[in-house]
Protein backbone atom coordinates (compact mmCIF):
# COMPACT_ATOMS: atom_id res chain seq x y z
CA MET A 1 2.36 -2.70 -18.45
CA LEU A 2 2.09 -3.63 -14.78
CA HIS A 3 5.83 -3.64 -14.10
CA GLY A 4 6.14 -0.24 -15.77
CA GLY A 5 3.30 1.02 -13.57
CA TYR A 6 5.27 0.24 -10.43
CA GLN A 7 8.17 2.40 -11.57
CA SER A 8 5.96 5.13 -13.01
CA VAL A 9 4.06 5.75 -9.77
CA LEU A 10 7.32 5.77 -7.83
CA GLU A 11 8.65 8.51 -10.14
CA ALA A 12 5.50 10.69 -10.12
CA ARG A 13 6.44 14.37 -9.78
CA SER A 14 3.15 15.97 -8.72
CA ARG A 15 -0.12 15.16 -7.01
CA GLU A 16 -1.98 15.06 -10.33
CA GLU A 17 0.65 12.85 -11.93
CA PHE A 18 0.46 10.52 -8.93
CA ARG A 19 -3.34 10.41 -9.23
CA GLY A 20 -3.09 9.62 -12.92
CA GLU A 21 -0.67 6.74 -12.32
CA VAL A 22 -2.88 5.25 -9.59
CA ILE A 23 -5.98 5.40 -11.79
CA ARG A 24 -4.13 4.06 -14.83
CA PHE A 25 -2.78 1.08 -12.93
CA ALA A 26 -6.13 0.23 -11.32
CA GLN A 27 -8.02 0.47 -14.59
CA GLY A 28 -5.35 -1.69 -16.23
CA LEU A 29 -6.33 -4.40 -13.74
CA GLY A 30 -10.00 -3.99 -14.67
CA PHE A 31 -11.18 -1.84 -11.74
CA ASP A 32 -13.64 0.99 -12.22
CA THR A 33 -12.75 3.19 -9.24
CA VAL A 34 -9.74 3.52 -6.96
CA SER A 35 -8.60 5.58 -3.99
CA ALA A 36 -5.12 5.96 -2.46
CA THR A 37 -4.88 7.59 0.97
CA ALA A 38 -1.97 8.46 3.24
CA VAL A 39 -2.81 8.80 6.93
CA GLN A 40 -0.66 10.38 9.65
CA ASP A 41 -1.76 9.73 13.23
CA GLN A 42 -1.85 12.82 15.43
CA THR A 43 -2.40 13.55 19.09
CA LEU A 44 -5.67 12.88 20.96
CA GLY A 45 -6.64 10.07 18.61
CA SER A 46 -7.03 12.29 15.53
CA ALA A 47 -5.41 11.72 12.15
CA HIS A 48 -4.57 13.71 9.04
CA PHE A 49 -5.75 12.25 5.70
CA GLU A 50 -4.54 13.10 2.19
CA GLY A 51 -5.58 11.11 -0.84
CA VAL A 52 -6.38 10.89 -4.52
CA ASP A 53 -9.21 9.03 -6.23
CA ASN A 54 -11.61 8.89 -9.16
CA ILE A 55 -14.72 8.49 -7.00
CA PRO A 56 -17.87 9.87 -8.72
CA GLN A 57 -18.80 13.31 -7.41
CA SER A 58 -22.30 12.07 -6.60
CA PHE A 59 -20.83 9.53 -4.15
CA LEU A 60 -18.01 11.65 -2.73
CA ASP A 61 -19.83 13.01 0.33
CA ARG A 62 -20.71 9.49 1.43
CA PHE A 63 -17.22 8.20 0.63
CA GLU A 64 -15.66 10.89 2.85
CA ASN A 65 -18.11 10.43 5.73
CA THR A 66 -15.92 9.30 8.64
CA ALA A 67 -18.96 8.17 10.62
CA ILE A 68 -19.49 5.43 8.01
CA TRP A 69 -15.82 4.42 8.22
CA HIS A 70 -16.29 3.50 11.89
CA VAL A 71 -18.72 0.70 10.96
CA ASP A 72 -17.71 -0.15 7.40
CA PRO A 73 -16.24 -3.71 7.46
CA VAL A 74 -13.66 -2.97 4.76
CA ALA A 75 -12.40 0.19 6.48
CA GLN A 76 -12.28 -1.56 9.85
CA HIS A 77 -10.34 -4.50 8.43
CA CYS A 78 -7.79 -2.21 6.75
CA LYS A 79 -7.44 -0.17 9.94
CA LYS A 80 -6.32 -3.25 11.88
CA SER A 81 -4.64 -5.53 9.35
CA SER A 82 -2.07 -5.46 6.56
CA MET A 83 -3.64 -8.50 4.90
CA PRO A 84 -5.48 -7.59 1.68
CA LEU A 85 -9.26 -7.96 1.86
CA VAL A 86 -11.35 -9.09 -1.10
CA TRP A 87 -14.89 -7.95 -0.40
CA ASP A 88 -18.36 -8.14 -1.92
CA ARG A 89 -21.98 -8.18 -0.77
CA ALA A 90 -21.33 -11.15 1.53
CA THR A 91 -18.79 -9.10 3.50
CA TYR A 92 -21.46 -6.55 4.41
CA VAL A 93 -24.17 -9.13 5.01
CA LYS A 94 -21.87 -10.88 7.50
CA SER A 95 -21.51 -7.58 9.39
CA GLY A 96 -25.26 -6.91 9.33
CA LEU A 97 -24.79 -4.03 6.90
CA GLU A 98 -26.56 -5.28 3.78
CA ASN A 99 -28.40 -1.95 3.44
CA GLN A 100 -25.08 -0.12 3.37
CA TRP A 101 -23.90 -2.36 0.55
CA GLU A 102 -27.16 -1.78 -1.36
CA GLU A 103 -26.65 1.99 -1.09
CA GLN A 104 -23.08 1.94 -2.41
CA ALA A 105 -23.82 -0.70 -5.05
CA ALA A 106 -26.23 1.78 -6.63
CA TYR A 107 -23.16 3.96 -7.32
CA GLY A 108 -21.09 1.11 -8.75
CA PHE A 109 -19.34 -0.15 -5.59
CA ARG A 110 -20.34 -3.82 -5.64
CA ALA A 111 -17.01 -5.53 -4.88
CA GLY A 112 -13.35 -4.73 -4.54
CA ILE A 113 -10.02 -5.13 -2.81
CA GLY A 114 -8.69 -3.17 0.15
CA VAL A 115 -4.95 -3.03 0.86
CA ALA A 116 -3.39 -1.40 3.92
CA LEU A 117 0.23 -0.71 4.88
CA HIS A 118 0.98 0.22 8.50
CA MET A 119 4.35 1.84 9.09
CA PRO A 120 6.32 3.22 12.04
CA GLU A 121 5.63 6.66 13.53
CA GLY A 122 1.88 6.44 13.03
CA ARG A 123 1.90 6.36 9.24
CA HIS A 124 -0.60 4.34 7.22
CA PHE A 125 -1.38 3.92 3.54
CA PHE A 126 -4.65 2.58 2.15
CA LEU A 127 -5.38 1.53 -1.42
CA GLY A 128 -8.92 0.58 -2.37
CA ALA A 129 -10.00 -0.56 -5.83
CA ASP A 130 -13.60 -1.38 -6.78
CA TRP A 131 -15.60 -3.23 -9.40
CA SER A 132 -19.08 -2.19 -10.48
CA ASP A 133 -19.94 -5.69 -11.82
CA GLY A 134 -18.94 -7.78 -8.81
CA LEU A 135 -16.03 -10.15 -8.21
CA PRO A 136 -14.31 -11.87 -11.17
CA ASN A 137 -15.29 -15.52 -11.60
CA ASP A 138 -11.75 -16.76 -12.23
CA ALA A 139 -10.12 -17.46 -8.84
CA SER A 140 -6.58 -17.61 -10.23
CA SER A 141 -7.00 -14.25 -11.97
CA LEU A 142 -8.32 -12.76 -8.74
CA THR A 143 -5.27 -14.04 -6.86
CA ARG A 144 -2.95 -12.38 -9.38
CA VAL A 145 -4.86 -9.10 -9.15
CA VAL A 146 -4.56 -9.09 -5.35
CA ALA A 147 -0.79 -9.67 -5.60
CA ASP A 148 -0.38 -6.95 -8.25
CA LEU A 149 -2.37 -4.45 -6.21
CA GLN A 150 -0.46 -5.22 -3.02
CA LEU A 151 2.92 -4.75 -4.71
CA PHE A 152 1.68 -1.56 -6.35
CA ALA A 153 0.68 -0.23 -2.91
CA VAL A 154 4.25 -0.67 -1.66
CA HIS A 155 5.52 1.52 -4.50
CA ALA A 156 2.64 4.01 -4.37
CA GLN A 157 3.00 4.73 -0.65
CA GLU A 158 6.56 6.01 -1.22
CA ALA A 159 5.27 8.57 -3.73
CA ALA A 160 2.22 9.36 -1.60
CA TRP A 161 4.29 10.54 1.36
CA ARG A 162 6.54 12.61 -0.86
CA LEU A 163 3.72 14.26 -2.82
CA LEU A 164 0.68 14.28 -0.51
CA MET A 165 2.37 14.79 2.87
CA PRO A 166 5.83 16.25 2.25
CA ALA A 167 6.16 17.37 5.88
CA ALA A 168 6.00 13.72 6.96
CA PHE A 169 8.45 12.67 4.25
CA ALA A 170 11.61 13.39 6.19
CA PRO A 171 14.98 11.74 5.69
CA PRO A 172 15.87 9.10 8.26
CA SER A 173 17.84 10.08 11.34
CA GLN A 174 21.57 9.60 11.70
CA THR A 175 20.89 6.15 13.16
CA ALA A 176 20.01 5.09 9.59
CA HIS A 177 23.66 4.69 8.59
CA LEU A 178 23.72 1.16 7.24
CA THR A 179 26.72 -1.11 7.57
CA PRO A 180 28.35 -2.55 4.43
CA ARG A 181 26.89 -5.97 5.30
CA GLU A 182 23.36 -4.54 5.70
CA LEU A 183 23.67 -2.81 2.33
CA GLU A 184 24.87 -6.02 0.71
CA CYS A 185 21.87 -7.90 2.09
CA LEU A 186 19.51 -5.22 0.77
CA ARG A 187 21.15 -5.31 -2.67
CA TRP A 188 20.64 -9.06 -2.96
CA THR A 189 17.09 -8.72 -1.59
CA MET A 190 16.46 -6.22 -4.37
CA GLU A 191 17.50 -8.96 -6.81
CA GLY A 192 14.76 -11.20 -5.42
CA LYS A 193 16.96 -13.43 -3.29
CA THR A 194 15.60 -15.06 -0.14
CA ALA A 195 17.40 -14.74 3.20
CA TRP A 196 18.75 -18.29 2.73
CA GLU A 197 20.08 -17.39 -0.73
CA VAL A 198 21.59 -14.14 0.57
CA GLY A 199 23.33 -16.08 3.33
CA THR A 200 24.74 -18.57 0.82
CA ILE A 201 26.01 -15.81 -1.49
CA LEU A 202 27.65 -13.89 1.36
CA SER A 203 28.91 -17.02 3.18
CA ILE A 204 26.89 -16.24 6.30
CA SER A 205 24.05 -18.11 7.96
CA GLU A 206 20.44 -17.52 7.00
CA ARG A 207 19.82 -16.27 10.55
CA THR A 208 22.60 -13.67 10.21
CA ALA A 209 21.23 -12.54 6.85
CA VAL A 210 17.79 -12.07 8.44
CA LEU A 211 19.40 -10.09 11.27
CA HIS A 212 21.14 -7.72 8.82
CA ILE A 213 17.91 -7.21 6.85
CA ASN A 214 15.91 -6.56 10.03
CA ASN A 215 18.53 -4.06 11.22
CA ALA A 216 18.30 -2.24 7.88
CA MET A 217 14.49 -2.16 8.13
CA ARG A 218 14.69 -0.71 11.65
CA LYS A 219 17.24 1.95 10.71
CA LEU A 220 15.17 2.99 7.68
CA ASP A 221 11.90 3.02 9.65
CA CYS A 222 10.33 0.41 7.37
CA SER A 223 7.97 -2.43 8.23
CA SER A 224 9.03 -4.80 5.41
CA LYS A 225 12.17 -5.66 3.50
CA HIS A 226 10.54 -4.50 0.25
CA GLN A 227 9.87 -1.03 1.71
CA ALA A 228 13.47 -0.95 3.00
CA VAL A 229 14.80 -1.71 -0.49
CA LEU A 230 12.66 1.06 -2.03
CA LYS A 231 13.72 3.59 0.60
CA ALA A 232 17.40 2.66 0.24
CA LEU A 233 17.06 3.13 -3.53
CA ARG A 234 15.40 6.52 -3.09
CA LEU A 235 18.11 7.67 -0.68
CA GLY A 236 20.87 6.50 -3.01
CA LEU A 237 22.19 3.94 -0.52
CA ILE A 238 21.95 1.15 -3.10
CA ARG A 239 21.67 1.16 -6.88
């Protein structure tokens, strides 16, 4: 189910279809609520937000209150870091915001995971999924859920820009013409090969393979090799 969810969200054709895929995937992992938000930085420190969610209507005003975002420890972590954050009551207590946690817990937001992707040209993507019963007790299961959600975010952000902010979803510039070697490295990366394995297959050094992959990432305006592979697939550069 999970693997199919990655492809399904990538192929979403409308905002509502995208929303449905995000909710379906999150609920398949056992979450109660989820939100997916694309953010485009603008001039004078402002930003444009577009997102989908299944947040209860009774909590929506509070959820969209940007004044709370400025102090919320989960929002602040995701604003600055691409590392996933597993949060619960202790996260808010540590920040001196136990009352804030008590308020949101009354609406079913007791624990969750926040994932952020920060990309070139002032683009950001946030995925937040929440549990109403608190964190799972099984540490290994929690680790798998974090990994699944993080990989899903990489796929979902591609669809989010296309469907939620089409103006920002522009094809790369002419500098994005990839060399045959860069395309080969991306193809083998798509197959799950490490840079060392790519170098061995192509009879080049690991350092050279990393250089080709980094050049492809730069030309495609991507911050990770996984995003570069997805973008190259979408543009028809690799198959």
